[in-house]
């Protein structure tokens, strides 16, 4: 990605005014004991890595065969250290990344005790001024100010700098951009602004992962990963922007029909939630496969799924540009593609092209399914210039629709459940908490003990959901058991408070400036009251709607002009509070 860091004198102001007080109150507590580096188990990828992965790494990352295999061995150790830190330190770790030069897992923490815990686990500790909670708060502030600035193309926590990075398209810089930058500069050095001349776009274009499939009469996309659903249904995951149409015929690489895209209209997501869709394979003669195409370099058998780590090597398979490898450069980022803003995406420095959308990202260590191709810049494979491509983490799609990956071999090692931080909610709050696991032999069966009243865990997906009914606090343990009977667990506290109480109020977000054809997301904040809150609105600009449950105004304006809307929140006792919002809609 061709980026330049803007002058700090121009883009930032006073140092850390927003968070100085919060940082000063952090408690220095000793972290839990972590197994020493010597106890880390190595799955020996240096000898078992699939040949096409090693070959692509040699070609795309300019490594020798020995260097590629050595890197994979170090990455495998780093993944084990990261899992251990997630399970013991949880959100006390600000960020983590793998450093290919040193071959070690790096972790940013805010206390000396946690730094010692990182070292004991075999990682390289970095003491940083901001906690994960502080950076998350700043990222939310950036999000609230970025929605009306066309030049903002993405934002999120940068793992290596432990700052919130905001990415601007310098080719679209306007006075609104400068105003936004001045406001963001007021947050201090917790924000790092960079620019890019090659803004990302969702790549449209043109059952084995990475091979071509065709949505109706439209341009081809790429297969992500084969999956199985309850009742024996078959299908494959791909990009959500390839599956927008409901019940659309889907055709395979040979032109014959293989199934139906977005069956029933409930299996395509291309919004803040993500960019993923499901194609049902419902035609005779078609079978799902655990294979990802290596395009002449040898195919890869998927062994399970995993979340990506900054610095980790991944390889991408797509029907336009084939098979290429690179590093994950960012995780959990918000990307503004223009027509749509999407949260939770990951960036890599591998190459891609239009038509690769939906294609497979697999980890070089163990052949794990990592992501689905979402978008990238204009520099495609074979061209000079810095490349960037973006993927949707695959675990989110698997959990949402309770799907199981088609795998060809057991996942090695013990079952490990991703750590969950302490949870807090109020009585009457609707809850959705996703869980994920790796290792062992898929599929997993999930169970949980100690859940607050009103909540249950889905035995297939591991998602905790429901509506809390009783106040209190206790310990929750979520367990995943694999097909061979091996189990792994994570334990955390869950506190359910009374339903707000006090006077019901609704914060006024102030006047809004939006643009015709550009998506809008405006969350409203209500406090106090009793029980569940319900939101209503009148006078919204054409194209915008209000979610009655969440209080989020969203949509795409269709008509320019001025509008005055009235938004009201009502609690279970019938009390209400209202605010007026003025809208300036420009074309």
Protein backbone atom coordinates (compact mmCIF):
# COMPACT_ATOMS: atom_id res chain seq x y z
CA UNK A 1 0.00 0.00 0.00
CA UNK A 2 1.45 3.36 -1.04
CA UNK A 3 1.15 5.46 2.06
CA UNK A 4 2.77 8.49 3.61
CA UNK A 5 2.56 9.66 7.18
CA UNK A 6 1.24 13.22 7.32
CA UNK A 7 3.09 15.89 9.25
CA UNK A 8 2.27 15.58 12.97
CA UNK A 9 2.40 19.37 13.28
CA UNK A 10 -0.39 19.65 10.73
CA UNK A 11 -2.55 16.71 11.75
CA UNK A 12 -2.27 16.51 15.54
CA UNK A 13 -2.46 18.89 18.49
CA UNK A 14 -2.17 18.62 22.24
CA UNK A 15 -0.73 15.38 23.57
CA UNK A 16 -3.34 12.90 24.86
CA UNK A 17 -5.90 15.26 26.41
CA UNK A 18 -8.67 12.72 25.95
CA UNK A 19 -7.09 9.83 27.79
CA UNK A 20 -4.61 11.26 30.24
CA UNK A 21 -6.87 10.73 33.26
CA UNK A 22 -7.87 7.24 32.26
CA UNK A 23 -4.30 6.12 31.70
CA UNK A 24 -3.26 7.42 35.10
CA UNK A 25 -5.83 5.26 36.88
CA UNK A 26 -4.80 1.91 35.40
CA UNK A 27 -4.10 -0.63 38.14
CA UNK A 28 -0.78 -2.45 38.15
CA UNK A 29 -1.92 -6.03 38.76
CA UNK A 30 0.12 -9.16 38.33
CA UNK A 31 -0.96 -11.26 35.37
CA UNK A 32 -1.83 -14.96 35.70
CA UNK A 33 0.90 -17.50 35.24
CA UNK A 34 1.57 -18.56 31.65
CA UNK A 35 3.39 -21.63 30.44
CA UNK A 36 7.03 -20.92 29.63
CA UNK A 37 8.26 -20.67 26.07
CA UNK A 38 9.82 -24.10 26.42
CA UNK A 39 6.36 -25.63 26.90
CA UNK A 40 5.07 -24.40 23.52
CA UNK A 41 4.24 -27.32 21.22
CA UNK A 42 5.52 -27.04 17.64
CA UNK A 43 3.33 -28.66 14.97
CA UNK A 44 6.45 -28.79 12.78
CA UNK A 45 5.20 -26.85 9.74
CA UNK A 46 8.79 -26.71 8.50
CA UNK A 47 8.38 -30.32 7.38
CA UNK A 48 4.63 -30.55 6.81
CA UNK A 49 3.75 -27.27 5.06
CA UNK A 50 1.95 -27.93 1.75
CA UNK A 51 4.25 -27.55 -1.26
CA UNK A 52 2.13 -24.84 -2.97
CA UNK A 53 2.31 -22.67 0.15
CA UNK A 54 6.08 -22.88 0.28
CA UNK A 55 6.40 -22.34 -3.49
CA UNK A 56 4.15 -19.26 -3.44
CA UNK A 57 6.02 -17.82 -0.46
CA UNK A 58 9.29 -18.22 -2.33
CA UNK A 59 7.87 -16.43 -5.37
CA UNK A 60 5.79 -13.68 -3.75
CA UNK A 61 7.83 -12.98 -0.62
CA UNK A 62 11.26 -13.51 -2.23
CA UNK A 63 12.37 -16.26 0.14
CA UNK A 64 14.40 -19.40 -0.33
CA UNK A 65 12.78 -22.73 0.46
CA UNK A 66 14.74 -22.95 3.73
CA UNK A 67 13.78 -19.38 4.69
CA UNK A 68 10.10 -20.04 3.97
CA UNK A 69 10.03 -23.22 6.07
CA UNK A 70 11.94 -21.55 8.91
CA UNK A 71 9.48 -18.68 8.91
CA UNK A 72 6.52 -21.07 9.06
CA UNK A 73 8.03 -22.86 12.06
CA UNK A 74 8.42 -19.53 13.89
CA UNK A 75 4.90 -18.44 12.92
CA UNK A 76 3.50 -21.67 14.31
CA UNK A 77 5.22 -21.05 17.65
CA UNK A 78 3.95 -17.46 17.63
CA UNK A 79 0.35 -18.62 17.14
CA UNK A 80 0.68 -20.87 20.23
CA UNK A 81 2.07 -17.97 22.28
CA UNK A 82 -0.77 -15.70 21.07
CA UNK A 83 -3.35 -18.29 22.09
CA UNK A 84 -1.81 -18.57 25.54
CA UNK A 85 -1.78 -14.79 26.00
CA UNK A 86 -5.41 -14.49 24.86
CA UNK A 87 -6.41 -17.11 27.41
CA UNK A 88 -4.57 -15.52 30.35
CA UNK A 89 -4.21 -11.78 29.74
CA UNK A 90 -7.22 -11.33 27.44
CA UNK A 91 -7.97 -7.68 26.68
CA UNK A 92 -5.08 -6.55 28.87
CA UNK A 93 -3.00 -7.12 25.74
CA UNK A 94 -3.34 -3.98 23.63
CA UNK A 95 -2.20 -5.66 20.40
CA UNK A 96 -0.13 -8.57 19.06
CA UNK A 97 1.86 -9.20 15.90
CA UNK A 98 4.38 -11.61 14.45
CA UNK A 99 7.77 -10.19 13.44
CA UNK A 100 9.23 -12.12 10.51
CA UNK A 101 12.74 -10.78 11.12
CA UNK A 102 13.05 -11.90 14.74
CA UNK A 103 10.66 -14.85 14.37
CA UNK A 104 8.82 -13.93 17.59
CA UNK A 105 5.35 -13.03 18.77
CA UNK A 106 5.25 -9.40 19.93
CA UNK A 107 2.69 -8.11 22.43
CA UNK A 108 1.95 -4.56 23.56
CA UNK A 109 0.89 -4.16 27.21
CA UNK A 110 0.48 -1.27 29.66
CA UNK A 111 1.89 -2.71 32.90
CA UNK A 112 5.19 -4.17 34.01
CA UNK A 113 3.44 -7.25 35.41
CA UNK A 114 1.80 -8.02 32.08
CA UNK A 115 5.10 -7.45 30.29
CA UNK A 116 6.70 -10.08 32.49
CA UNK A 117 3.84 -12.46 31.69
CA UNK A 118 4.43 -11.95 27.96
CA UNK A 119 8.12 -12.73 28.40
CA UNK A 120 7.36 -15.88 30.40
CA UNK A 121 5.08 -17.05 27.59
CA UNK A 122 7.90 -16.73 25.06
CA UNK A 123 6.84 -13.40 23.52
CA UNK A 124 8.55 -10.04 23.13
CA UNK A 125 6.86 -7.46 25.37
CA UNK A 126 6.42 -3.78 24.46
CA UNK A 127 5.27 -1.27 27.08
CA UNK A 128 2.78 1.19 25.54
CA UNK A 129 0.81 4.13 26.98
CA UNK A 130 -2.67 3.08 25.84
CA UNK A 131 -4.77 0.09 26.80
CA UNK A 132 -7.01 -1.82 24.39
CA UNK A 133 -10.09 -0.29 26.03
CA UNK A 134 -8.71 3.22 25.51
CA UNK A 135 -7.91 2.56 21.86
CA UNK A 136 -11.35 1.02 21.31
CA UNK A 137 -12.91 4.18 22.76
CA UNK A 138 -10.87 6.38 20.43
CA UNK A 139 -11.81 4.19 17.45
CA UNK A 140 -15.48 4.72 18.31
CA UNK A 141 -14.89 8.47 18.45
CA UNK A 142 -13.23 8.35 15.03
CA UNK A 143 -16.16 6.34 13.66
CA UNK A 144 -18.67 8.90 14.92
CA UNK A 145 -16.84 11.70 13.11
CA UNK A 146 -15.80 9.89 9.91
CA UNK A 147 -19.16 8.97 8.37
CA UNK A 148 -19.60 12.26 6.48
CA UNK A 149 -16.00 12.65 5.23
CA UNK A 150 -15.57 11.08 1.76
CA UNK A 151 -11.77 11.00 2.03
CA UNK A 152 -11.81 8.63 5.03
CA UNK A 153 -11.43 5.10 3.67
CA UNK A 154 -10.71 3.16 6.87
CA UNK A 155 -9.71 3.16 10.51
CA UNK A 156 -8.74 0.77 13.30
CA UNK A 157 -6.04 -0.17 15.80
CA UNK A 158 -2.61 -0.52 14.21
CA UNK A 159 -1.00 -3.49 15.97
CA UNK A 160 2.63 -2.44 15.56
CA UNK A 161 2.24 1.18 16.73
CA UNK A 162 -0.54 0.63 19.30
CA UNK A 163 -2.33 3.68 17.97
CA UNK A 164 -5.62 4.19 16.15
CA UNK A 165 -4.73 4.58 12.48
CA UNK A 166 -7.00 6.64 10.22
CA UNK A 167 -6.48 6.16 6.47
CA UNK A 168 -7.32 9.02 4.10
CA UNK A 169 -7.55 8.99 0.31
CA UNK A 170 -5.46 12.02 -0.59
CA UNK A 171 -7.00 12.18 -4.07
CA UNK A 172 -10.36 13.07 -2.44
CA UNK A 173 -9.06 15.64 0.02
CA UNK A 174 -11.46 18.57 0.61
CA UNK A 175 -12.11 21.22 3.24
CA UNK A 176 -14.20 18.60 5.06
CA UNK A 177 -11.08 16.43 5.22
CA UNK A 178 -9.05 19.22 6.83
CA UNK A 179 -11.84 19.93 9.33
CA UNK A 180 -12.03 16.24 10.22
CA UNK A 181 -8.23 16.07 10.61
CA UNK A 182 -8.24 19.06 12.96
CA UNK A 183 -10.92 17.46 15.14
CA UNK A 184 -9.11 14.13 15.17
CA UNK A 185 -5.87 15.94 16.00
CA UNK A 186 -7.47 17.11 19.23
CA UNK A 187 -7.32 13.50 20.45
CA UNK A 188 -3.52 13.72 20.58
CA UNK A 189 -0.87 11.20 19.61
CA UNK A 190 -3.23 8.27 20.22
CA UNK A 191 -4.31 8.82 16.58
CA UNK A 192 -1.98 8.26 13.63
CA UNK A 193 -3.18 9.61 10.28
CA UNK A 194 -1.82 8.12 7.05
CA UNK A 195 -2.80 8.67 3.44
CA UNK A 196 -3.22 6.43 0.44
CA UNK A 197 -3.55 7.24 -3.27
CA UNK A 198 -5.07 3.87 -4.12
CA UNK A 199 -8.32 3.62 -2.17
CA UNK A 200 -9.75 0.08 -1.73
CA UNK A 201 -12.83 -1.04 -3.65
CA UNK A 202 -14.85 -4.24 -3.49
CA UNK A 203 -13.61 -6.30 -6.41
CA UNK A 204 -16.43 -7.59 -8.56
CA UNK A 205 -15.70 -9.69 -11.59
CA UNK A 206 -15.28 -13.07 -12.15
CA UNK A 207 -16.77 -26.47 -5.65
CA UNK A 208 -13.04 -25.83 -4.96
CA UNK A 209 -11.82 -22.85 -3.01
CA UNK A 210 -10.50 -20.09 -5.25
CA UNK A 211 -12.20 -21.37 -8.39
CA UNK A 212 -14.79 -19.50 -10.44
CA UNK A 213 -18.51 -19.36 -9.78
CA UNK A 214 -21.02 -17.15 -11.60
CA UNK A 215 -23.98 -15.37 -9.94
CA UNK A 216 -26.75 -15.50 -12.55
CA UNK A 217 -25.80 -13.49 -15.64
CA UNK A 218 -23.37 -11.26 -13.72
CA UNK A 219 -19.57 -11.21 -13.72
CA UNK A 220 -17.82 -14.16 -12.02
CA UNK A 221 -16.65 -14.26 -8.42
CA UNK A 222 -14.53 -16.83 -6.55
CA UNK A 223 -15.42 -19.72 -4.25
CA UNK A 224 -14.27 -19.29 -0.66
CA UNK A 225 -14.70 -22.45 1.40
CA UNK A 226 -17.03 -25.43 1.22
CA UNK A 227 -19.36 -25.84 4.20
CA UNK A 228 -22.03 -28.10 5.61
CA UNK A 229 -25.18 -26.97 7.41
CA UNK A 230 -27.68 -28.66 9.70
CA UNK A 231 -29.64 -31.46 8.09
CA UNK A 232 -26.92 -32.32 5.60
CA UNK A 233 -27.27 -29.18 3.44
CA UNK A 234 -24.19 -28.28 1.39
CA UNK A 235 -22.82 -24.95 0.23
CA UNK A 236 -19.85 -22.61 0.04
CA UNK A 237 -18.95 -19.23 1.52
CA UNK A 238 -18.00 -16.29 -0.69
CA UNK A 239 -18.16 -12.47 -0.61
CA UNK A 240 -21.40 -10.82 0.45
CA UNK A 241 -21.21 -8.31 -2.42
CA UNK A 242 -21.33 -11.29 -4.80
CA UNK A 243 -24.57 -12.63 -3.26
CA UNK A 244 -26.80 -9.55 -3.02
CA UNK A 245 -29.64 -10.96 -5.15
CA UNK A 246 -32.14 -13.28 -3.50
CA UNK A 247 -32.50 -16.86 -4.81
CA UNK A 248 -30.15 -16.17 -7.72
CA UNK A 249 -29.02 -19.15 -9.83
CA UNK A 250 -25.35 -19.97 -9.26
CA UNK A 251 -23.18 -21.59 -11.93
CA UNK A 252 -19.88 -23.42 -11.62
CA UNK A 253 -16.66 -22.98 -13.56
CA UNK A 254 -17.98 -25.25 -16.35
CA UNK A 255 -21.10 -23.12 -16.82
CA UNK A 256 -23.57 -25.64 -15.40
CA UNK A 257 -25.81 -24.73 -12.49
CA UNK A 258 -24.49 -25.85 -9.11
CA UNK A 259 -26.92 -24.18 -6.70
CA UNK A 260 -28.66 -21.05 -5.43
CA UNK A 261 -27.11 -17.86 -4.08
CA UNK A 262 -28.60 -16.17 -0.98
CA UNK A 263 -31.38 -18.71 -0.63
CA UNK A 264 -34.44 -17.20 1.01
CA UNK A 265 -32.81 -13.76 1.18
CA UNK A 266 -31.22 -14.43 4.59
CA UNK A 267 -27.71 -15.49 3.58
CA UNK A 268 -25.93 -12.37 2.30
CA UNK A 269 -24.23 -9.67 4.37
CA UNK A 270 -22.63 -6.59 2.80
CA UNK A 271 -22.91 -3.91 5.50
CA UNK A 272 -21.23 -2.82 8.75
CA UNK A 273 -21.51 -6.42 9.99
CA UNK A 274 -19.27 -7.82 7.25
CA UNK A 275 -18.86 -8.94 3.64
CA UNK A 276 -19.83 -12.61 3.38
CA UNK A 277 -22.49 -14.71 1.68
CA UNK A 278 -23.60 -18.32 1.31
CA UNK A 279 -24.32 -20.22 -1.91
CA UNK A 280 -26.36 -23.41 -1.44
CA UNK A 281 -25.06 -26.34 -3.50
CA UNK A 282 -28.38 -28.02 -4.31
CA UNK A 283 -27.90 -29.49 -7.80
CA UNK A 284 -27.28 -33.19 -8.44
CA UNK A 285 -23.73 -34.12 -9.35
CA UNK A 286 -22.05 -31.35 -7.35
CA UNK A 287 -20.18 -32.13 -4.13
CA UNK A 288 -18.46 -29.80 -1.70
CA UNK A 289 -14.72 -30.28 -1.28
CA UNK A 290 -12.21 -29.40 1.48
CA UNK A 291 -9.75 -28.34 -1.23
CA UNK A 292 -8.40 -24.89 -2.11
CA UNK A 293 -6.89 -24.60 -5.59
CA UNK A 294 -3.17 -23.89 -5.82
CA UNK A 295 -3.47 -23.11 -9.55
CA UNK A 296 -0.76 -25.46 -10.75
CA UNK A 297 1.36 -25.32 -7.61
CA UNK A 298 -0.53 -28.15 -5.90
CA UNK A 299 -3.85 -27.88 -4.06
CA UNK A 300 -4.25 -27.34 -0.29
CA UNK A 301 -6.57 -29.35 1.94
CA UNK A 302 -8.36 -27.22 4.54
CA UNK A 303 -7.87 -28.59 8.05
CA UNK A 304 -10.02 -26.13 10.01
CA UNK A 305 -10.39 -22.40 10.63
CA UNK A 306 -8.44 -19.78 12.58
CA UNK A 307 -8.30 -16.04 13.19
CA UNK A 308 -5.46 -14.16 11.49
CA UNK A 309 -2.55 -12.49 13.31
CA UNK A 310 -0.72 -9.37 12.13
CA UNK A 311 2.54 -10.46 10.52
CA UNK A 312 1.29 -13.97 9.78
CA UNK A 313 1.73 -15.44 6.29
CA UNK A 314 -1.47 -16.15 4.36
CA UNK A 315 -2.02 -17.36 0.81
CA UNK A 316 -4.94 -16.30 -1.38
CA UNK A 317 -6.65 -18.25 -4.15
CA UNK A 318 -8.91 -16.51 -6.69
CA UNK A 319 -10.25 -17.22 -10.17
CA UNK A 320 -8.69 -14.10 -11.79
CA UNK A 321 -5.14 -13.96 -10.46
CA UNK A 322 -4.65 -17.47 -9.07
CA UNK A 323 -2.48 -18.27 -6.05
CA UNK A 324 -0.37 -15.69 -4.17
CA UNK A 325 1.01 -15.23 -0.65
CA UNK A 326 1.84 -12.33 1.65
CA UNK A 327 1.55 -11.03 5.22
CA UNK A 328 -1.45 -9.86 7.22
CA UNK A 329 -0.78 -6.18 7.87
CA UNK A 330 -3.89 -5.15 9.85
CA UNK A 331 -6.78 -6.87 11.62
CA UNK A 332 -10.19 -5.72 12.86
CA UNK A 333 -10.29 -2.65 10.63
CA UNK A 334 -13.18 -0.53 9.40
CA UNK A 335 -13.06 -0.02 5.63
CA UNK A 336 -15.06 2.61 3.75
CA UNK A 337 -15.50 1.32 0.19
CA UNK A 338 -17.69 4.29 -0.74
CA UNK A 339 -21.04 2.58 -1.28
CA UNK A 340 -20.67 0.63 1.96
CA UNK A 341 -18.71 0.82 5.25
CA UNK A 342 -17.66 -2.53 6.74
CA UNK A 343 -16.22 -3.31 10.18
CA UNK A 344 -13.90 -6.13 11.25
CA UNK A 345 -11.90 -6.59 8.03
CA UNK A 346 -8.21 -7.54 7.69
CA UNK A 347 -5.58 -6.13 5.30
CA UNK A 348 -2.72 -8.01 3.62
CA UNK A 349 0.08 -7.07 1.24
CA UNK A 350 -0.58 -9.86 -1.24
CA UNK A 351 -1.91 -9.06 -4.72
CA UNK A 352 -5.36 -9.58 -6.25
CA UNK A 353 -7.66 -8.45 -9.04
CA UNK A 354 -11.34 -8.04 -9.86
CA UNK A 355 -13.12 -11.38 -9.86
CA UNK A 356 -11.06 -12.71 -6.94
CA UNK A 357 -13.88 -11.56 -4.64
CA UNK A 358 -15.02 -14.27 -2.28
CA UNK A 359 -11.85 -16.33 -2.78
CA UNK A 360 -9.97 -18.28 -0.11
CA UNK A 361 -7.32 -17.07 2.35
CA UNK A 362 -5.51 -19.91 4.12
CA UNK A 363 -2.78 -19.78 6.73
CA UNK A 364 0.61 -21.07 5.72
CA UNK A 365 0.82 -22.87 9.07
CA UNK A 366 -1.55 -25.81 9.06
CA UNK A 367 -3.76 -24.94 6.07
CA UNK A 368 -6.42 -23.19 8.19
CA UNK A 369 -9.26 -21.25 6.55
CA UNK A 370 -8.70 -17.61 7.56
CA UNK A 371 -10.77 -15.34 5.33
CA UNK A 372 -12.83 -14.50 2.24
CA UNK A 373 -11.53 -11.97 -0.28
CA UNK A 374 -13.41 -8.66 0.01
CA UNK A 375 -11.50 -5.96 -1.91
CA UNK A 376 -8.22 -4.28 -2.70
CA UNK A 377 -6.41 -1.50 -4.52
CA UNK A 378 -5.90 -0.92 -8.23
CA UNK A 379 -2.39 -2.43 -8.34
CA UNK A 380 -3.04 -6.02 -9.42
CA UNK A 381 -0.81 -9.08 -9.62
CA UNK A 382 2.02 -8.61 -12.11
CA UNK A 383 2.00 -4.80 -11.92
CA UNK A 384 4.59 -2.66 -10.19
CA UNK A 385 3.68 -0.77 -7.04
CA UNK A 386 2.67 -1.67 -3.52
CA UNK A 387 -0.26 -4.07 -3.26
CA UNK A 388 -3.01 -4.29 -0.68
CA UNK A 389 -5.91 -6.70 -0.42
CA UNK A 390 -8.64 -7.02 2.19
CA UNK A 391 -10.40 -10.10 3.56
CA UNK A 392 -13.43 -10.90 5.69
CA UNK A 393 -12.55 -13.26 8.61
CA UNK A 394 -14.23 -16.60 7.89
CA UNK A 395 -15.12 -17.50 11.49
CA UNK A 396 -17.72 -14.73 11.63
CA UNK A 397 -19.65 -16.25 8.72
CA UNK A 398 -19.38 -19.79 10.12
CA UNK A 399 -20.79 -18.65 13.47
CA UNK A 400 -23.60 -16.50 12.08
CA UNK A 401 -25.17 -19.34 10.10
CA UNK A 402 -24.03 -22.29 12.27
CA UNK A 403 -21.96 -23.78 9.45
CA UNK A 404 -19.21 -26.40 9.56
CA UNK A 405 -16.20 -26.26 7.26
CA UNK A 406 -15.61 -29.16 4.92
CA UNK A 407 -12.22 -30.44 6.11
CA UNK A 408 -10.00 -33.19 4.83
CA UNK A 409 -7.84 -33.86 7.86
CA UNK A 410 -8.09 -33.42 11.62
CA UNK A 411 -6.79 -30.19 13.05
CA UNK A 412 -3.62 -30.88 15.05
CA UNK A 413 -3.18 -30.24 18.73
CA UNK A 414 -5.50 -29.59 21.64
CA UNK A 415 -8.79 -27.73 21.43
CA UNK A 416 -8.34 -24.07 22.36
CA UNK A 417 -11.27 -21.71 22.88
CA UNK A 418 -10.54 -18.05 22.15
CA UNK A 419 -10.48 -16.07 25.40
CA UNK A 420 -13.42 -13.81 26.25
CA UNK A 421 -13.02 -10.70 28.38
CA UNK A 422 -15.28 -9.81 31.32
CA UNK A 423 -18.85 -9.10 30.18
CA UNK A 424 -21.34 -6.57 31.55
CA UNK A 425 -24.98 -5.98 30.60
CA UNK A 426 -28.27 -4.86 32.09
CA UNK A 427 -31.56 -6.62 32.75
CA UNK A 428 -33.63 -6.72 29.57
CA UNK A 429 -30.63 -6.32 27.25
CA UNK A 430 -30.52 -8.47 24.11
CA UNK A 431 -27.22 -10.37 23.95
CA UNK A 432 -25.22 -11.95 21.10
CA UNK A 433 -21.71 -13.14 22.01
CA UNK A 434 -19.79 -15.17 19.41
CA UNK A 435 -17.19 -17.74 20.45
CA UNK A 436 -14.55 -19.54 18.39
CA UNK A 437 -12.15 -22.45 18.81
CA UNK A 438 -9.22 -24.03 17.01
CA UNK A 439 -7.34 -27.29 17.15
CA UNK A 440 -8.69 -30.80 17.56
CA UNK A 441 -11.02 -32.41 15.02
CA UNK A 442 -13.95 -30.33 13.74
CA UNK A 443 -16.90 -30.01 14.17
CA UNK A 444 -17.18 -28.77 17.74
CA UNK A 445 -20.05 -29.22 20.19
CA UNK A 446 -20.47 -26.25 22.52
CA UNK A 447 -21.70 -26.03 26.11
CA UNK A 448 -21.67 -23.40 28.85
CA UNK A 449 -22.12 -23.18 32.62
CA UNK A 450 -22.93 -20.16 34.77
CA UNK A 451 -24.68 -18.15 32.06
CA UNK A 452 -26.93 -15.32 33.34
CA UNK A 453 -30.63 -16.16 33.41
CA UNK A 454 -32.21 -15.77 29.98
CA UNK A 455 -29.08 -16.70 27.99
CA UNK A 456 -28.24 -19.96 26.20
CA UNK A 457 -25.37 -21.23 24.08
CA UNK A 458 -25.91 -22.67 20.59
CA UNK A 459 -24.46 -26.20 20.61
CA UNK A 460 -23.32 -25.94 16.99
CA UNK A 461 -21.95 -22.41 16.64
CA UNK A 462 -20.97 -21.57 20.23
CA UNK A 463 -22.85 -18.26 20.10
CA UNK A 464 -24.36 -17.11 23.39
CA UNK A 465 -27.66 -15.30 22.88
CA UNK A 466 -30.90 -14.30 24.57
CA UNK A 467 -32.16 -11.51 26.83
CA UNK A 468 -30.89 -11.14 30.40
CA UNK A 469 -33.64 -11.28 33.02
CA UNK A 470 -31.97 -11.17 36.45
CA UNK A 471 -29.34 -8.92 37.99
CA UNK A 472 -26.21 -10.46 39.49
CA UNK A 473 -22.60 -11.46 38.85
CA UNK A 474 -20.91 -14.81 38.38
CA UNK A 475 -18.33 -16.92 36.57
CA UNK A 476 -19.14 -18.30 33.11
CA UNK A 477 -17.29 -21.18 31.43
CA UNK A 478 -17.75 -21.85 27.70
CA UNK A 479 -16.49 -25.23 26.44
CA UNK A 480 -15.91 -26.64 22.94
CA UNK A 481 -15.66 -30.42 22.50
CA UNK A 482 -14.32 -31.80 19.23
CA UNK A 483 -15.40 -34.90 17.29
CA UNK A 484 -12.76 -36.99 19.09
CA UNK A 485 -13.98 -35.96 22.55
CA UNK A 486 -11.19 -33.47 23.34
CA UNK A 487 -12.31 -30.25 25.04
CA UNK A 488 -11.11 -26.72 25.62
CA UNK A 489 -12.67 -23.93 27.68
CA UNK A 490 -12.53 -20.26 28.50
CA UNK A 491 -13.77 -18.72 31.76
CA UNK A 492 -14.79 -15.13 32.39
CA UNK A 493 -17.03 -13.07 34.67
CA UNK A 494 -20.43 -11.76 33.63
CA UNK A 495 -22.15 -8.96 35.55
CA UNK A 496 -25.81 -8.10 34.91
CA UNK A 497 -26.87 -4.76 36.38
CA UNK A 498 -30.28 -3.31 37.02
CA UNK A 499 -31.98 -1.69 34.05
CA UNK A 500 -30.34 1.69 34.11
CA UNK A 501 -32.73 3.46 36.47
CA UNK A 502 -32.92 7.20 36.83
CA UNK A 503 -34.39 9.64 34.33
CA UNK A 504 -34.64 8.41 30.74
CA UNK A 505 -32.64 10.67 28.43
CA UNK A 506 -31.52 10.72 24.80
CA UNK A 507 -28.28 12.43 23.77
CA UNK A 508 -28.58 14.89 20.88
CA UNK A 509 -26.01 14.04 18.18
CA UNK A 510 -26.23 17.55 16.72
CA UNK A 511 -26.77 18.66 13.15
CA UNK A 512 -25.79 16.15 10.48
CA UNK A 513 -24.22 16.71 7.04
CA UNK A 514 -24.71 13.79 4.65
CA UNK A 515 -24.51 13.12 0.91
CA UNK A 516 -26.87 11.64 -1.66
CA UNK A 517 -25.75 8.11 -2.55
CA UNK A 518 -23.34 7.78 0.39
CA UNK A 519 -24.18 5.42 3.24
CA UNK A 520 -24.95 6.82 6.70
CA UNK A 521 -24.66 5.21 10.14
CA UNK A 522 -25.60 7.34 13.15
CA UNK A 523 -25.92 5.54 16.53
CA UNK A 524 -28.08 7.29 19.14
CA UNK A 525 -27.27 7.00 22.83
CA UNK A 526 -29.99 6.66 25.48
CA UNK A 527 -29.43 6.37 29.24
CA UNK A 528 -31.63 5.69 32.26
CA UNK A 529 -35.19 4.46 32.22
CA UNK A 530 -36.59 1.03 32.98
CA UNK A 531 -36.37 -2.20 30.98
CA UNK A 532 -36.07 -2.43 27.22
CA UNK A 533 -35.91 0.80 25.22
CA UNK A 534 -37.71 1.32 21.88
CA UNK A 535 -36.76 4.02 19.35
CA UNK A 536 -39.04 5.81 16.86
CA UNK A 537 -38.46 8.70 14.43
CA UNK A 538 -40.34 11.09 12.17
CA UNK A 539 -39.06 13.35 9.39
CA UNK A 540 -35.90 11.42 8.50
CA UNK A 541 -34.34 12.24 5.10
CA UNK A 542 -35.52 9.98 2.28
CA UNK A 543 -33.49 6.76 2.26
CA UNK A 544 -32.73 6.68 6.00
CA UNK A 545 -34.40 4.46 8.59
CA UNK A 546 -34.17 3.98 12.36
CA UNK A 547 -33.62 0.59 13.99
CA UNK A 548 -36.30 0.41 16.72
CA UNK A 549 -34.17 -1.83 18.92
CA UNK A 550 -30.62 -0.46 18.61
CA UNK A 551 -31.36 3.21 17.96
CA UNK A 552 -29.07 3.32 14.91
CA UNK A 553 -30.09 5.56 11.99
CA UNK A 554 -28.74 4.11 8.75
CA UNK A 555 -29.27 3.95 5.02
CA UNK A 556 -28.35 5.94 1.91
CA UNK A 557 -29.89 9.40 1.30
CA UNK A 558 -31.71 9.66 -2.04
CA UNK A 559 -32.84 13.31 -2.19
CA UNK A 560 -30.85 16.49 -1.53
CA UNK A 561 -32.15 19.27 0.68
CA UNK A 562 -32.78 20.10 4.34
CA UNK A 563 -34.75 17.96 6.79
CA UNK A 564 -35.71 18.12 10.47
CA UNK A 565 -36.38 14.85 12.24
CA UNK A 566 -37.73 14.03 15.68
CA UNK A 567 -36.36 10.92 17.43
CA UNK A 568 -38.00 9.45 20.54
CA UNK A 569 -36.90 6.69 22.93
CA UNK A 570 -39.51 4.97 25.13
CA UNK A 571 -38.81 2.56 28.01
CA UNK A 572 -40.86 -0.37 29.30
CA UNK A 573 -42.66 1.87 31.80
CA UNK A 574 -43.93 4.12 29.00
CA UNK A 575 -41.64 7.07 29.79
CA UNK A 576 -40.06 8.79 26.80
CA UNK A 577 -37.43 11.34 25.80
CA UNK A 578 -36.98 13.08 22.44
CA UNK A 579 -34.45 15.14 20.49
CA UNK A 580 -34.61 17.03 17.19
CA UNK A 581 -31.95 16.51 14.53
CA UNK A 582 -31.36 18.81 11.55
CA UNK A 583 -30.03 17.25 8.34
CA UNK A 584 -28.20 18.91 5.44
CA UNK A 585 -28.28 16.53 2.48
CA UNK A 586 -25.90 17.47 -0.33
CA UNK A 587 -25.76 15.94 -3.80
